[in-house]
Amino acid sequence: MVTTHYMDEAEYCHRLGIMREGRIVAVGTPDELRERHSAATMEEVFLGVAGQQEEAS
């Protein structure tokens, strides 16, 4: 298990869980998450997920 806030490190993980404010907001492999969020990088995935959460609040 790894914990990091560096999304370039997350690229090397087999499966990811992205947390925001203590809640898991996205789970999957890096490829699945990039495809699901139409993103080129995990940084884009994170920013998209974080932005969705802020808009929903």
C-alpha atoms as a PDB file:
ATOM      1  CA  MET A   1       0.000   0.000   0.000  1.00  0.00           C
ATOM      2  CA  VAL A   2       1.280   3.445  -0.927  1.00  0.00           C
ATOM      3  CA  THR A   3      -0.011   6.872  -0.023  1.00  0.00           C
ATOM      4  CA  THR A   4       1.040   9.898  -2.043  1.00  0.00           C
ATOM      5  CA  HIS A   5      -0.186  13.234  -3.227  1.00  0.00           C
ATOM      6  CA  TYR A   6       2.134  13.054  -6.263  1.00  0.00           C
ATOM      7  CA  MET A   7       0.016  11.840  -9.148  1.00  0.00           C
ATOM      8  CA  ASP A   8       3.069  10.918 -11.243  1.00  0.00           C
ATOM      9  CA  GLU A   9       3.899   8.317  -8.541  1.00  0.00           C
ATOM     10  CA  ALA A  10       0.329   7.028  -8.688  1.00  0.00           C
ATOM     11  CA  GLU A  11       0.892   6.086 -12.341  1.00  0.00           C
ATOM     12  CA  TYR A  12       3.050   3.155 -11.111  1.00  0.00           C
ATOM     13  CA  CYS A  13       0.352   1.645  -8.872  1.00  0.00           C
ATOM     14  CA  HIS A  14      -1.762  -1.324  -9.959  1.00  0.00           C
ATOM     15  CA  ARG A  15      -4.958   0.037  -8.433  1.00  0.00           C
ATOM     16  CA  LEU A  16      -5.776   3.466  -7.023  1.00  0.00           C
ATOM     17  CA  GLY A  17      -8.236   5.024  -4.671  1.00  0.00           C
ATOM     18  CA  ILE A  18      -8.511   8.804  -4.725  1.00  0.00           C
ATOM     19  CA  MET A  19      -9.786  10.358  -1.528  1.00  0.00           C
ATOM     20  CA  ARG A  20     -11.269  13.809  -1.048  1.00  0.00           C
ATOM     21  CA  GLU A  21     -12.273  15.107   2.380  1.00  0.00           C
ATOM     22  CA  GLY A  22     -12.056  11.620   3.891  1.00  0.00           C
ATOM     23  CA  ARG A  23     -14.169   9.913   1.235  1.00  0.00           C
ATOM     24  CA  ILE A  24     -13.115   7.662  -1.617  1.00  0.00           C
ATOM     25  CA  VAL A  25     -14.261   9.438  -4.776  1.00  0.00           C
ATOM     26  CA  ALA A  26     -12.603   7.291  -7.471  1.00  0.00           C
ATOM     27  CA  VAL A  27     -11.232   3.739  -7.656  1.00  0.00           C
ATOM     28  CA  GLY A  28      -9.573   1.823 -10.473  1.00  0.00           C
ATOM     29  CA  THR A  29      -6.379   1.214 -12.354  1.00  0.00           C
ATOM     30  CA  PRO A  30      -4.569   4.251 -13.758  1.00  0.00           C
ATOM     31  CA  ASP A  31      -5.736   3.283 -17.268  1.00  0.00           C
ATOM     32  CA  GLU A  32      -9.360   2.875 -16.135  1.00  0.00           C
ATOM     33  CA  LEU A  33      -9.375   6.198 -14.338  1.00  0.00           C
ATOM     34  CA  ARG A  34      -7.770   8.089 -17.240  1.00  0.00           C
ATOM     35  CA  GLU A  35     -10.302   6.574 -19.651  1.00  0.00           C
ATOM     36  CA  ARG A  36     -13.293   7.158 -17.349  1.00  0.00           C
ATOM     37  CA  HIS A  37     -12.361  10.819 -16.889  1.00  0.00           C
ATOM     38  CA  SER A  38     -11.114  11.421 -20.469  1.00  0.00           C
ATOM     39  CA  ALA A  39      -7.730  12.432 -19.080  1.00  0.00           C
ATOM     40  CA  ALA A  40      -4.180  12.054 -20.366  1.00  0.00           C
ATOM     41  CA  THR A  41      -2.573  12.003 -16.908  1.00  0.00           C
ATOM     42  CA  MET A  42      -3.464  11.071 -13.346  1.00  0.00           C
ATOM     43  CA  GLU A  43      -3.028  14.747 -12.449  1.00  0.00           C
ATOM     44  CA  GLU A  44      -5.898  15.551 -14.825  1.00  0.00           C
ATOM     45  CA  VAL A  45      -7.972  12.765 -13.254  1.00  0.00           C
ATOM     46  CA  PHE A  46      -7.337  14.151  -9.778  1.00  0.00           C
ATOM     47  CA  LEU A  47      -8.163  17.717 -10.785  1.00  0.00           C
ATOM     48  CA  GLY A  48     -11.352  16.544 -12.481  1.00  0.00           C
ATOM     49  CA  VAL A  49     -12.460  14.491  -9.484  1.00  0.00           C
ATOM     50  CA  ALA A  50     -11.560  17.270  -7.029  1.00  0.00           C
ATOM     51  CA  GLY A  51     -13.396  19.819  -9.168  1.00  0.00           C
ATOM     52  CA  GLN A  52     -16.512  17.641  -9.303  1.00  0.00           C
ATOM     53  CA  GLN A  53     -16.494  17.328  -5.541  1.00  0.00           C
ATOM     54  CA  GLU A  54     -16.160  21.092  -5.027  1.00  0.00           C
ATOM     55  CA  GLU A  55     -19.014  21.765  -7.466  1.00  0.00           C
ATOM     56  CA  ALA A  56     -21.235  19.232  -5.670  1.00  0.00           C
ATOM     57  CA  SER A  57     -20.638  20.864  -2.263  1.00  0.00           C
END
